[in-house]
Amino acid sequence: MAFAPYEQFFEAVKRSHSVGVFFRSAWNGDSLGSALAVAALVSALGKPAEVVCEGFIPHPSYKFLEKQNGVLPKPRDMRRLNLKISAAPAEYDLTHSHADGAINISIDTEGGALDPDNVAATTEEWKHDLIVVVDTPDLAALGAIKNDYRDFWTETPIVNIDHDPGNEQFGQINLVDIRASSTAEIVADLFAALDWKLVDAETATALLAGIISKTKSFRSNAVTPKTLDSASRLVTSGARRAEIVEHLFRMRPVEALRLWGRVLARLKQDRANKLVWSLLTRADFVHAGADETHLPDAIAELAASTSDADVIIVIHENSKDDGNVSALVGAERGQNALHLMAPFKPEGDRKLARVSLPASDLISAEKTLVDHVRKTLAATH
């Protein structure tokens, strides 16, 4: 009898010697909580795990998850190149330098130059022989990590865990359940299938944080009785629900609240196309004491607070005075931010994408982006 996907996952971990757990660069609480929990599950199966997210910086809102401090902003020590020199003298001096994109290695010996035929180069196996990608719709959403280690991604088996209907099923093992409210709910199911006793208080808190973050404290239409049952089990296992809610919804930085107020004050709407957008000047950032890192939360709050917006755009002058205008685009209910912004070379993923319009002013950028999105949405109706 063929193994179910979750059984394939367990077997793949058991056969591995080291697991790399990766999540999207435009991450959210579900991404972080799920990744930390998967790493805990891998460790419970007796294998080392390393969690990586491109450019990751620990976020104050998630400081109750201490293990976020162990998330790497880029992979390290992925593969070694070994040089072996036969017939080498006992005494030598080795120096190296980096210039013009190349590493130059020099070996000086008392007996003269070494014979190049005596030098052999070999590469070690990749540090990880199994990849687990969580809460990430496609590999491009991982950011530069995907391009910097191309061979790693083609040579190493991938387990793909997600709840997004738009997931591209890019793994050799795909644990994609579009009925789940969050990726954390799927990871909780993995623990239940293996042994729920493996869920300690820290793992339970990470998983519940993922569920609460993705469902906006159970306000999402994706919440089902199964979601609530999973949350109940996690609380019973020690998840610190009050602490999660306090940090994610009640301890908003004053800077963020000021900036959100400015976003709301200039909010515009196109009801026919279910589009809302707002504008921010550089002065808005200065007066709020905020920067672009506060914008994803503003878009998430707008998405959770209205059912009349499938696309949310915040067009803004950059907080750093570089003369450029950027936009953050959030997509809900089947829309794809990357597809919508395709002519503008977006970065991010289908749920949240960023575009830049160099040497543009705010009003011109508004007209260019909004007109384009309106036409694109109208063509799909």
Protein backbone atom coordinates (compact mmCIF):
# COMPACT_ATOMS: atom_id res chain seq x y z
CA MET A 1 0.00 0.00 0.00
CA ALA A 2 1.32 3.44 -0.95
CA PHE A 3 2.19 5.81 1.88
CA ALA A 4 -0.01 8.84 2.50
CA PRO A 5 1.84 12.17 2.05
CA TYR A 6 2.31 12.68 5.79
CA GLU A 7 3.79 9.17 6.08
CA GLN A 8 6.12 9.98 3.17
CA PHE A 9 7.21 13.07 5.08
CA PHE A 10 8.04 11.09 8.23
CA GLU A 11 9.98 8.51 6.23
CA ALA A 12 11.89 11.19 4.33
CA VAL A 13 12.96 12.82 7.61
CA LYS A 14 13.99 9.48 9.10
CA ARG A 15 16.18 8.73 6.06
CA SER A 16 17.81 12.18 6.06
CA HIS A 17 20.94 13.26 7.94
CA SER A 18 20.08 17.00 8.08
CA VAL A 19 16.97 19.03 7.18
CA GLY A 20 16.76 22.61 5.93
CA VAL A 21 13.45 24.32 6.76
CA PHE A 22 12.73 27.35 4.55
CA PHE A 23 9.92 29.92 4.34
CA ARG A 24 9.00 32.92 2.20
CA SER A 25 10.99 36.14 2.43
CA ALA A 26 7.73 38.15 2.75
CA TRP A 27 6.89 36.11 5.83
CA ASN A 28 4.05 36.28 8.30
CA GLY A 29 3.24 34.75 11.68
CA ASP A 30 1.96 31.56 10.08
CA SER A 31 5.22 31.15 8.14
CA LEU A 32 7.36 31.68 11.24
CA GLY A 33 5.30 29.58 13.64
CA SER A 34 4.99 26.70 11.17
CA ALA A 35 8.71 26.68 10.39
CA LEU A 36 9.70 26.65 14.06
CA ALA A 37 7.25 23.82 14.73
CA VAL A 38 8.49 21.76 11.77
CA ALA A 39 12.06 22.16 13.05
CA ALA A 40 10.88 20.91 16.46
CA LEU A 41 9.19 17.92 14.80
CA VAL A 42 12.34 17.08 12.83
CA SER A 43 14.39 17.30 16.03
CA ALA A 44 11.91 15.00 17.77
CA LEU A 45 12.60 12.47 15.02
CA GLY A 46 16.29 12.65 15.91
CA LYS A 47 17.55 14.77 13.02
CA PRO A 48 19.16 18.23 13.04
CA ALA A 49 17.18 21.07 11.47
CA GLU A 50 18.13 24.57 10.37
CA VAL A 51 15.49 27.26 9.73
CA VAL A 52 16.23 29.82 7.01
CA CYS A 53 14.38 32.86 5.63
CA GLU A 54 15.98 35.30 3.22
CA GLY A 55 16.93 38.51 5.04
CA PHE A 56 15.15 37.48 8.23
CA ILE A 57 15.25 39.92 11.14
CA PRO A 58 13.57 38.94 14.44
CA HIS A 59 10.34 40.92 14.82
CA PRO A 60 9.35 42.57 18.13
CA SER A 61 5.76 41.37 17.74
CA TYR A 62 7.01 37.78 17.91
CA LYS A 63 9.50 38.13 20.72
CA PHE A 64 7.43 35.62 22.71
CA LEU A 65 8.81 33.03 20.26
CA GLU A 66 12.40 32.97 21.48
CA LYS A 67 13.45 30.49 18.80
CA GLN A 68 12.90 33.14 16.12
CA ASN A 69 16.36 34.37 17.12
CA GLY A 70 17.76 31.15 15.65
CA VAL A 71 16.28 31.72 12.18
CA LEU A 72 19.08 32.35 9.69
CA PRO A 73 18.83 35.23 7.17
CA LYS A 74 20.73 33.11 4.63
CA PRO A 75 22.10 29.56 4.49
CA ARG A 76 25.59 28.99 5.81
CA ASP A 77 28.23 26.33 5.26
CA MET A 78 26.05 24.72 2.59
CA ARG A 79 28.88 22.97 0.75
CA ARG A 80 32.67 22.84 0.97
CA LEU A 81 35.23 22.72 -1.81
CA ASN A 82 38.24 20.65 -0.76
CA LEU A 83 41.67 20.97 -2.37
CA LYS A 84 44.08 18.04 -1.97
CA ILE A 85 47.73 18.48 -2.91
CA SER A 86 49.76 15.31 -3.20
CA ALA A 87 53.55 15.25 -2.87
CA ALA A 88 53.34 18.53 -0.92
CA PRO A 89 56.33 19.69 1.13
CA ALA A 90 56.15 19.83 4.92
CA GLU A 91 56.79 23.58 5.01
CA TYR A 92 54.66 26.05 3.06
CA ASP A 93 52.91 29.42 3.31
CA LEU A 94 49.30 29.77 2.18
CA THR A 95 47.63 33.10 1.40
CA HIS A 96 44.35 34.00 -0.24
CA SER A 97 42.61 37.10 -1.57
CA HIS A 98 39.32 38.03 -3.17
CA ALA A 99 39.28 40.21 -6.29
CA ASP A 100 37.12 40.62 -9.36
CA GLY A 101 34.65 38.04 -8.10
CA ALA A 102 37.33 35.36 -7.73
CA ILE A 103 39.12 33.74 -4.80
CA ASN A 104 42.86 33.60 -5.35
CA ILE A 105 44.85 31.04 -3.35
CA SER A 106 48.65 31.11 -3.32
CA ILE A 107 50.91 28.43 -1.86
CA ASP A 108 54.62 29.20 -1.49
CA THR A 109 57.10 26.40 -0.77
CA GLU A 110 60.84 26.39 -0.16
CA GLY A 111 61.39 23.78 -2.84
CA GLY A 112 59.81 25.72 -5.70
CA ALA A 113 56.33 25.80 -7.23
CA LEU A 114 53.97 22.87 -6.85
CA ASP A 115 52.99 20.77 -9.83
CA PRO A 116 49.36 21.64 -10.82
CA ASP A 117 48.86 17.98 -11.75
CA ASN A 118 49.20 17.16 -8.04
CA VAL A 119 46.21 19.34 -7.10
CA ALA A 120 42.76 17.74 -6.94
CA ALA A 121 39.49 19.55 -6.16
CA THR A 122 36.41 17.81 -4.73
CA THR A 123 33.08 19.08 -3.45
CA GLU A 124 31.29 17.70 -0.42
CA GLU A 125 27.63 16.74 -0.39
CA TRP A 126 25.13 19.48 0.44
CA LYS A 127 24.78 20.23 4.13
CA HIS A 128 21.09 19.28 4.00
CA ASP A 129 19.79 16.25 2.15
CA LEU A 130 16.11 17.16 2.67
CA ILE A 131 14.32 20.48 2.19
CA VAL A 132 11.04 21.40 3.89
CA VAL A 133 9.36 24.55 2.55
CA VAL A 134 6.45 25.91 4.62
CA ASP A 135 3.73 28.47 3.87
CA THR A 136 5.30 29.41 0.54
CA PRO A 137 3.26 29.27 -2.70
CA ASP A 138 6.24 28.88 -5.04
CA LEU A 139 10.02 28.70 -4.84
CA ALA A 140 10.43 32.22 -6.25
CA ALA A 141 8.84 33.54 -3.03
CA LEU A 142 11.92 32.36 -1.12
CA GLY A 143 13.90 35.25 -2.59
CA ALA A 144 17.58 35.18 -3.50
CA ILE A 145 18.12 31.88 -1.67
CA LYS A 146 16.54 30.09 -4.63
CA ASN A 147 18.87 31.64 -7.19
CA ASP A 148 22.05 31.59 -5.09
CA TYR A 149 21.91 27.80 -4.63
CA ARG A 150 20.33 26.57 -7.86
CA ASP A 151 21.94 23.11 -7.77
CA PHE A 152 20.83 22.58 -4.17
CA TRP A 153 17.18 23.03 -5.12
CA THR A 154 17.38 20.70 -8.10
CA GLU A 155 19.46 17.99 -6.42
CA THR A 156 17.68 17.83 -3.03
CA PRO A 157 14.17 16.41 -2.43
CA ILE A 158 11.59 18.95 -1.30
CA VAL A 159 8.63 18.61 1.08
CA ASN A 160 6.08 21.36 0.43
CA ILE A 161 3.67 22.22 3.28
CA ASP A 162 1.03 24.87 2.62
CA HIS A 163 -2.68 25.70 2.68
CA ASP A 164 -2.75 28.19 -0.21
CA PRO A 165 -5.01 27.13 -3.14
CA GLY A 166 -2.51 28.80 -5.45
CA ASN A 167 0.41 26.65 -4.29
CA GLU A 168 2.34 25.33 -7.28
CA GLN A 169 2.81 21.81 -5.85
CA PHE A 170 6.57 22.11 -6.40
CA GLY A 171 7.62 19.41 -3.94
CA GLN A 172 8.37 15.76 -4.41
CA ILE A 173 6.09 15.42 -1.38
CA ASN A 174 3.21 17.93 -1.25
CA LEU A 175 1.30 18.38 1.98
CA VAL A 176 -1.07 21.04 0.64
CA ASP A 177 -4.51 21.18 2.24
CA ILE A 178 -6.63 24.07 0.97
CA ARG A 179 -9.30 23.27 3.59
CA ALA A 180 -6.95 24.24 6.41
CA SER A 181 -7.12 27.75 7.87
CA SER A 182 -3.34 28.01 7.99
CA THR A 183 -0.14 26.11 7.41
CA ALA A 184 0.22 25.84 11.19
CA GLU A 185 -2.99 23.84 11.29
CA ILE A 186 -1.47 21.32 8.85
CA VAL A 187 1.72 21.08 10.91
CA ALA A 188 -0.40 20.47 14.02
CA ASP A 189 -2.00 17.57 12.12
CA LEU A 190 1.48 16.13 11.51
CA PHE A 191 2.15 16.08 15.24
CA ALA A 192 -1.24 14.46 15.81
CA ALA A 193 -0.43 11.76 13.24
CA LEU A 194 2.96 11.03 14.80
CA ASP A 195 2.55 11.61 18.54
CA TRP A 196 0.79 14.58 20.11
CA LYS A 197 2.91 14.18 23.24
CA LEU A 198 5.78 15.67 21.22
CA VAL A 199 4.01 19.06 21.34
CA ASP A 200 5.62 20.96 24.21
CA ALA A 201 4.58 24.43 25.36
CA GLU A 202 6.98 26.26 23.01
CA THR A 203 5.88 24.30 19.95
CA ALA A 204 2.22 24.69 20.91
CA THR A 205 2.73 28.46 21.23
CA ALA A 206 4.44 28.65 17.82
CA LEU A 207 1.60 26.73 16.16
CA LEU A 208 -1.17 28.68 17.87
CA ALA A 209 0.60 31.93 16.93
CA GLY A 210 0.55 30.76 13.32
CA ILE A 211 -3.17 29.98 13.42
CA ILE A 212 -4.11 33.20 15.23
CA SER A 213 -1.93 35.31 12.94
CA LYS A 214 -3.31 33.84 9.72
CA THR A 215 -6.95 33.89 10.84
CA LYS A 216 -6.71 37.34 12.46
CA SER A 217 -7.64 35.87 15.83
CA PHE A 218 -10.25 33.53 14.31
CA ARG A 219 -12.03 36.27 12.32
CA SER A 220 -11.22 34.72 8.94
CA ASN A 221 -13.86 32.87 6.91
CA ALA A 222 -11.35 30.01 6.65
CA VAL A 223 -11.90 29.08 10.31
CA THR A 224 -13.64 25.71 10.67
CA PRO A 225 -14.62 23.54 13.66
CA LYS A 226 -11.41 21.60 13.02
CA THR A 227 -9.41 24.84 13.35
CA LEU A 228 -10.99 25.53 16.72
CA ASP A 229 -10.38 21.94 17.83
CA SER A 230 -6.69 22.24 16.89
CA ALA A 231 -6.43 25.53 18.77
CA SER A 232 -8.05 23.97 21.82
CA ARG A 233 -5.57 21.08 21.82
CA LEU A 234 -2.68 23.51 21.52
CA VAL A 235 -3.90 25.54 24.50
CA THR A 236 -4.23 22.31 26.48
CA SER A 237 -0.61 21.53 25.55
CA GLY A 238 0.60 24.82 27.00
CA ALA A 239 0.19 27.37 24.19
CA ARG A 240 0.28 30.86 25.69
CA ARG A 241 -2.84 32.24 24.00
CA ALA A 242 -3.08 35.42 26.08
CA GLU A 243 0.55 36.27 25.35
CA ILE A 244 0.06 35.70 21.62
CA VAL A 245 -3.00 37.94 21.45
CA GLU A 246 -1.32 40.60 23.58
CA HIS A 247 1.72 40.82 21.31
CA LEU A 248 -0.03 40.45 17.95
CA PHE A 249 -3.11 42.61 18.50
CA ARG A 250 -2.82 44.72 21.64
CA MET A 251 0.79 45.88 21.68
CA ARG A 252 0.93 47.78 18.43
CA PRO A 253 3.80 50.28 18.31
CA VAL A 254 2.60 53.87 18.45
CA GLU A 255 4.58 54.51 15.25
CA ALA A 256 2.56 51.84 13.43
CA LEU A 257 -0.75 53.26 14.68
CA ARG A 258 0.19 56.75 13.51
CA LEU A 259 1.10 55.44 10.07
CA TRP A 260 -2.08 53.38 9.80
CA GLY A 261 -4.06 56.50 10.62
CA ARG A 262 -2.47 58.29 7.69
CA VAL A 263 -3.18 55.31 5.41
CA LEU A 264 -6.86 55.33 6.46
CA ALA A 265 -7.17 59.11 6.11
CA ARG A 266 -6.31 58.90 2.40
CA LEU A 267 -8.04 55.63 1.59
CA LYS A 268 -9.75 55.51 -1.82
CA GLN A 269 -12.02 52.83 -3.21
CA ASP A 270 -13.15 51.34 -6.52
CA ARG A 271 -16.13 49.22 -5.46
CA ALA A 272 -16.76 47.76 -8.90
CA ASN A 273 -13.29 46.23 -9.03
CA LYS A 274 -12.96 45.58 -5.27
CA LEU A 275 -9.86 47.75 -5.12
CA VAL A 276 -8.74 50.09 -2.35
CA TRP A 277 -5.58 52.17 -2.24
CA SER A 278 -3.89 54.92 -0.30
CA LEU A 279 -0.95 57.31 -0.62
CA LEU A 280 1.86 58.13 1.82
CA THR A 281 4.40 60.92 1.53
CA ARG A 282 7.87 60.89 3.00
CA ALA A 283 6.61 63.42 5.55
CA ASP A 284 4.01 60.87 6.69
CA PHE A 285 6.77 58.45 7.63
CA VAL A 286 8.71 61.19 9.40
CA HIS A 287 5.71 62.44 11.41
CA ALA A 288 4.69 58.89 12.34
CA GLY A 289 8.24 57.90 13.26
CA ALA A 290 7.74 54.80 11.10
CA ASP A 291 9.17 53.21 7.98
CA GLU A 292 8.20 50.69 5.27
CA THR A 293 8.43 47.74 7.67
CA HIS A 294 5.12 48.83 9.21
CA LEU A 295 3.20 48.66 5.92
CA PRO A 296 2.55 44.88 5.63
CA ASP A 297 0.65 44.98 8.93
CA ALA A 298 -1.44 47.89 7.68
CA ILE A 299 -2.41 45.95 4.56
CA ALA A 300 -3.19 42.84 6.62
CA GLU A 301 -5.46 44.86 8.90
CA LEU A 302 -7.30 46.37 5.93
CA ALA A 303 -7.75 42.91 4.40
CA ALA A 304 -9.15 41.54 7.65
CA SER A 305 -11.45 44.52 8.23
CA THR A 306 -13.22 44.68 4.87
CA SER A 307 -14.80 42.19 2.50
CA ASP A 308 -15.02 44.82 -0.24
CA ALA A 309 -11.34 44.71 -1.18
CA ASP A 310 -9.64 41.94 -3.13
CA VAL A 311 -6.65 44.18 -3.91
CA ILE A 312 -5.09 46.69 -1.49
CA ILE A 313 -2.34 49.07 -2.60
CA VAL A 314 -0.27 51.50 -0.55
CA ILE A 315 1.71 53.80 -2.85
CA HIS A 316 4.41 55.72 -1.03
CA GLU A 317 7.46 57.88 -1.33
CA ASN A 318 10.36 55.96 0.14
CA SER A 319 11.07 56.82 3.77
CA LYS A 320 14.71 57.18 2.81
CA ASP A 321 15.08 60.25 0.65
CA ASP A 322 16.16 58.52 -2.59
CA GLY A 323 13.66 60.22 -4.91
CA ASN A 324 11.82 56.97 -5.69
CA VAL A 325 8.23 55.86 -5.25
CA SER A 326 7.28 52.31 -4.28
CA ALA A 327 4.06 50.40 -3.75
CA LEU A 328 3.07 47.46 -1.59
CA VAL A 329 0.28 45.37 -3.11
CA GLY A 330 -1.81 42.91 -1.12
CA ALA A 331 -4.04 40.37 -2.88
CA GLU A 332 -6.97 38.47 -1.36
CA ARG A 333 -9.61 35.95 -2.42
CA GLY A 334 -7.93 34.42 -5.45
CA GLN A 335 -6.12 37.49 -6.75
CA ASN A 336 -2.39 37.29 -7.48
CA ALA A 337 -0.24 40.31 -6.60
CA LEU A 338 2.66 39.13 -8.77
CA HIS A 339 0.46 38.72 -11.84
CA LEU A 340 -1.26 42.06 -11.25
CA MET A 341 2.08 43.84 -11.01
CA ALA A 342 3.90 41.83 -13.70
CA PRO A 343 4.77 44.85 -15.94
CA PHE A 344 6.52 46.50 -12.96
CA LYS A 345 8.90 43.64 -12.08
CA PRO A 346 7.45 42.88 -8.63
CA GLU A 347 9.22 41.16 -5.75
CA GLY A 348 7.48 39.06 -3.13
CA ASP A 349 4.74 36.49 -3.63
CA ARG A 350 1.17 36.19 -4.87
CA LYS A 351 -0.24 37.50 -1.56
CA LEU A 352 2.06 40.49 -1.04
CA ALA A 353 4.30 42.10 -3.66
CA ARG A 354 6.43 45.22 -3.79
CA VAL A 355 7.19 47.31 -6.86
CA SER A 356 9.42 50.32 -7.39
CA LEU A 357 8.89 53.24 -9.77
CA PRO A 358 12.22 55.09 -9.92
CA ALA A 359 12.22 58.82 -10.56
CA SER A 360 8.44 59.03 -10.34
CA ASP A 361 6.24 61.37 -8.31
CA LEU A 362 3.44 60.12 -6.07
CA ILE A 363 0.50 61.32 -8.19
CA SER A 364 1.94 59.95 -11.45
CA ALA A 365 2.67 56.65 -9.76
CA GLU A 366 -0.90 56.51 -8.45
CA LYS A 367 -2.36 57.01 -11.90
CA THR A 368 -0.01 54.48 -13.52
CA LEU A 369 -0.59 51.72 -10.98
CA VAL A 370 -4.28 52.22 -10.28
CA ASP A 371 -5.21 52.51 -13.98
CA HIS A 372 -3.26 49.33 -14.71
CA VAL A 373 -4.86 47.36 -11.87
CA ARG A 374 -8.35 48.60 -12.76
CA LYS A 375 -7.98 47.44 -16.36
CA THR A 376 -6.55 44.12 -15.31
CA LEU A 377 -9.31 43.45 -12.78
CA ALA A 378 -12.05 44.61 -15.13
CA ALA A 379 -10.80 42.17 -17.78
CA THR A 380 -11.26 39.26 -15.37
CA HIS A 381 -14.87 40.09 -14.40
